[in-house]
Amino acid sequence: MKKTLILLLVLLSLILAGCATFHGLGRDIEKAGNWIQQKSD
């Protein structure tokens, strides 16, 4: 039971960290796209 709970907490933390990383990556890509669009105008 204790091992299962620890494994679940580790997996949950990895999933949350991954979501934060992809969210940040999406914002960076969006900023780069906006910069390219401004330079092309």
PDB file of N, CA and C in Angstrom:
ATOM      1  N   MET A   1       0.825  -1.201   0.000  1.00  0.00           N
ATOM      2  CA  MET A   1       0.000   0.000   0.000  1.00  0.00           C
ATOM      3  C   MET A   1       0.864   1.258   0.000  1.00  0.00           C
ATOM      4  N   LYS A   2       1.895   1.248   0.832  1.00  0.00           N
ATOM      5  CA  LYS A   2       2.747   2.432   0.934  1.00  0.00           C
ATOM      6  C   LYS A   2       3.535   2.654  -0.362  1.00  0.00           C
ATOM      7  N   LYS A   3       4.004   1.554  -0.971  1.00  0.00           N
ATOM      8  CA  LYS A   3       4.738   1.676  -2.233  1.00  0.00           C
ATOM      9  C   LYS A   3       3.838   2.206  -3.340  1.00  0.00           C
ATOM     10  N   THR A   4       2.601   1.777  -3.355  1.00  0.00           N
ATOM     11  CA  THR A   4       1.651   2.230  -4.367  1.00  0.00           C
ATOM     12  C   THR A   4       1.384   3.721  -4.228  1.00  0.00           C
ATOM     13  N   LEU A   5       1.239   4.179  -3.001  1.00  0.00           N
ATOM     14  CA  LEU A   5       0.987   5.600  -2.757  1.00  0.00           C
ATOM     15  C   LEU A   5       2.189   6.447  -3.181  1.00  0.00           C
ATOM     16  N   ILE A   6       3.380   5.981  -2.862  1.00  0.00           N
ATOM     17  CA  ILE A   6       4.594   6.709  -3.244  1.00  0.00           C
ATOM     18  C   ILE A   6       4.718   6.752  -4.767  1.00  0.00           C
ATOM     19  N   LEU A   7       4.465   5.625  -5.431  1.00  0.00           N
ATOM     20  CA  LEU A   7       4.537   5.577  -6.887  1.00  0.00           C
ATOM     21  C   LEU A   7       3.520   6.519  -7.517  1.00  0.00           C
ATOM     22  N   LEU A   8       2.324   6.548  -6.963  1.00  0.00           N
ATOM     23  CA  LEU A   8       1.280   7.431  -7.468  1.00  0.00           C
ATOM     24  C   LEU A   8       1.675   8.898  -7.324  1.00  0.00           C
ATOM     25  N   LEU A   9       2.250   9.257  -6.187  1.00  0.00           N
ATOM     26  CA  LEU A   9       2.680  10.639  -5.968  1.00  0.00           C
ATOM     27  C   LEU A   9       3.809  11.032  -6.919  1.00  0.00           C
ATOM     28  N   VAL A  10       4.739  10.111  -7.157  1.00  0.00           N
ATOM     29  CA  VAL A  10       5.836  10.390  -8.090  1.00  0.00           C
ATOM     30  C   VAL A  10       5.295  10.593  -9.502  1.00  0.00           C
ATOM     31  N   LEU A  11       4.398   9.714  -9.926  1.00  0.00           N
ATOM     32  CA  LEU A  11       3.816   9.854 -11.264  1.00  0.00           C
ATOM     33  C   LEU A  11       3.031  11.151 -11.407  1.00  0.00           C
ATOM     34  N   LEU A  12       2.279  11.503 -10.385  1.00  0.00           N
ATOM     35  CA  LEU A  12       1.507  12.741 -10.423  1.00  0.00           C
ATOM     36  C   LEU A  12       2.422  13.959 -10.525  1.00  0.00           C
ATOM     37  N   SER A  13       3.508  13.959  -9.793  1.00  0.00           N
ATOM     38  CA  SER A  13       4.433  15.094  -9.847  1.00  0.00           C
ATOM     39  C   SER A  13       5.109  15.184 -11.209  1.00  0.00           C
ATOM     40  N   LEU A  14       5.433  14.035 -11.814  1.00  0.00           N
ATOM     41  CA  LEU A  14       6.038  14.057 -13.151  1.00  0.00           C
ATOM     42  C   LEU A  14       5.058  14.580 -14.197  1.00  0.00           C
ATOM     43  N   ILE A  15       3.797  14.181 -14.063  1.00  0.00           N
ATOM     44  CA  ILE A  15       2.780  14.653 -15.010  1.00  0.00           C
ATOM     45  C   ILE A  15       2.598  16.165 -14.885  1.00  0.00           C
ATOM     46  N   LEU A  16       2.526  16.649 -13.663  1.00  0.00           N
ATOM     47  CA  LEU A  16       2.356  18.095 -13.458  1.00  0.00           C
ATOM     48  C   LEU A  16       3.560  18.873 -13.955  1.00  0.00           C
ATOM     49  N   ALA A  17       4.752  18.352 -13.737  1.00  0.00           N
ATOM     50  CA  ALA A  17       5.964  19.028 -14.224  1.00  0.00           C
ATOM     51  C   ALA A  17       5.970  19.046 -15.748  1.00  0.00           C
ATOM     52  N   GLY A  18       5.550  17.968 -16.361  1.00  0.00           N
ATOM     53  CA  GLY A  18       5.487  17.897 -17.821  1.00  0.00           C
ATOM     54  C   GLY A  18       4.499  18.894 -18.387  1.00  0.00           C
ATOM     55  N   CYS A  19       3.357  19.038 -17.745  1.00  0.00           N
ATOM     56  CA  CYS A  19       2.352  19.998 -18.216  1.00  0.00           C
ATOM     57  C   CYS A  19       2.885  21.422 -18.136  1.00  0.00           C
ATOM     58  N   ALA A  20       3.560  21.734 -17.063  1.00  0.00           N
ATOM     59  CA  ALA A  20       4.119  23.076 -16.910  1.00  0.00           C
ATOM     60  C   ALA A  20       5.171  23.330 -17.981  1.00  0.00           C
ATOM     61  N   THR A  21       5.953  22.319 -18.294  1.00  0.00           N
ATOM     62  CA  THR A  21       6.999  22.471 -19.303  1.00  0.00           C
ATOM     63  C   THR A  21       6.383  22.716 -20.673  1.00  0.00           C
ATOM     64  N   PHE A  22       5.386  21.927 -21.036  1.00  0.00           N
ATOM     65  CA  PHE A  22       4.759  22.102 -22.347  1.00  0.00           C
ATOM     66  C   PHE A  22       4.018  23.425 -22.434  1.00  0.00           C
ATOM     67  N   HIS A  23       3.443  23.878 -21.330  1.00  0.00           N
ATOM     68  CA  HIS A  23       2.756  25.171 -21.324  1.00  0.00           C
ATOM     69  C   HIS A  23       3.768  26.291 -21.569  1.00  0.00           C
ATOM     70  N   GLY A  24       4.905  26.219 -20.914  1.00  0.00           N
ATOM     71  CA  GLY A  24       5.952  27.220 -21.107  1.00  0.00           C
ATOM     72  C   GLY A  24       6.503  27.184 -22.519  1.00  0.00           C
ATOM     73  N   LEU A  25       6.654  25.980 -23.057  1.00  0.00           N
ATOM     74  CA  LEU A  25       7.147  25.833 -24.418  1.00  0.00           C
ATOM     75  C   LEU A  25       6.165  26.453 -25.408  1.00  0.00           C
ATOM     76  N   GLY A  26       4.877  26.260 -25.173  1.00  0.00           N
ATOM     77  CA  GLY A  26       3.860  26.846 -26.051  1.00  0.00           C
ATOM     78  C   GLY A  26       3.910  28.355 -26.034  1.00  0.00           C
ATOM     79  N   ARG A  27       4.123  28.923 -24.858  1.00  0.00           N
ATOM     80  CA  ARG A  27       4.215  30.394 -24.771  1.00  0.00           C
ATOM     81  C   ARG A  27       5.453  30.900 -25.502  1.00  0.00           C
ATOM     82  N   ASP A  28       6.572  30.184 -25.377  1.00  0.00           N
ATOM     83  CA  ASP A  28       7.793  30.603 -26.068  1.00  0.00           C
ATOM     84  C   ASP A  28       7.616  30.550 -27.577  1.00  0.00           C
ATOM     85  N   ILE A  29       6.974  29.500 -28.070  1.00  0.00           N
ATOM     86  CA  ILE A  29       6.737  29.378 -29.510  1.00  0.00           C
ATOM     87  C   ILE A  29       5.802  30.485 -29.983  1.00  0.00           C
ATOM     88  N   GLU A  30       4.800  30.800 -29.187  1.00  0.00           N
ATOM     89  CA  GLU A  30       3.876  31.875 -29.551  1.00  0.00           C
ATOM     90  C   GLU A  30       4.593  33.215 -29.621  1.00  0.00           C
ATOM     91  N   LYS A  31       5.471  33.491 -28.661  1.00  0.00           N
ATOM     92  CA  LYS A  31       6.222  34.748 -28.670  1.00  0.00           C
ATOM     93  C   LYS A  31       7.137  34.820 -29.887  1.00  0.00           C
ATOM     94  N   ALA A  32       7.771  33.700 -30.228  1.00  0.00           N
ATOM     95  CA  ALA A  32       8.640  33.681 -31.406  1.00  0.00           C
ATOM     96  C   ALA A  32       7.826  33.931 -32.672  1.00  0.00           C
ATOM     97  N   GLY A  33       6.644  33.334 -32.755  1.00  0.00           N
ATOM     98  CA  GLY A  33       5.779  33.554 -33.917  1.00  0.00           C
ATOM     99  C   GLY A  33       5.340  35.002 -34.029  1.00  0.00           C
ATOM    100  N   ASN A  34       5.010  35.621 -32.908  1.00  0.00           N
ATOM    101  CA  ASN A  34       4.624  37.033 -32.921  1.00  0.00           C
ATOM    102  C   ASN A  34       5.782  37.908 -33.345  1.00  0.00           C
ATOM    103  N   TRP A  35       6.996  37.593 -32.891  1.00  0.00           N
ATOM    104  CA  TRP A  35       8.178  38.376 -33.251  1.00  0.00           C
ATOM    105  C   TRP A  35       8.434  38.280 -34.753  1.00  0.00           C
ATOM    106  N   ILE A  36       8.328  37.064 -35.293  1.00  0.00           N
ATOM    107  CA  ILE A  36       8.542  36.869 -36.737  1.00  0.00           C
ATOM    108  C   ILE A  36       7.471  37.622 -37.532  1.00  0.00           C
ATOM    109  N   GLN A  37       6.242  37.586 -37.060  1.00  0.00           N
ATOM    110  CA  GLN A  37       5.155  38.270 -37.756  1.00  0.00           C
ATOM    111  C   GLN A  37       5.367  39.783 -37.741  1.00  0.00           C
ATOM    112  N   GLN A  38       5.837  40.333 -36.637  1.00  0.00           N
ATOM    113  CA  GLN A  38       6.103  41.771 -36.551  1.00  0.00           C
ATOM    114  C   GLN A  38       7.232  42.170 -37.489  1.00  0.00           C
ATOM    115  N   LYS A  39       8.271  41.345 -37.565  1.00  0.00           N
ATOM    116  CA  LYS A  39       9.410  41.682 -38.427  1.00  0.00           C
ATOM    117  C   LYS A  39       9.055  41.602 -39.902  1.00  0.00           C
ATOM    118  N   SER A  40       8.087  40.763 -40.238  1.00  0.00           N
ATOM    119  CA  SER A  40       7.721  40.624 -41.651  1.00  0.00           C
ATOM    120  C   SER A  40       6.796  41.741 -42.127  1.00  0.00           C
ATOM    121  N   ASP A  41       6.209  42.495 -41.200  1.00  0.00           N
ATOM    122  CA  ASP A  41       5.283  43.570 -41.595  1.00  0.00           C
ATOM    123  C   ASP A  41       5.975  44.800 -42.070  1.00  0.00           C
TER     124      ASP A  41
END
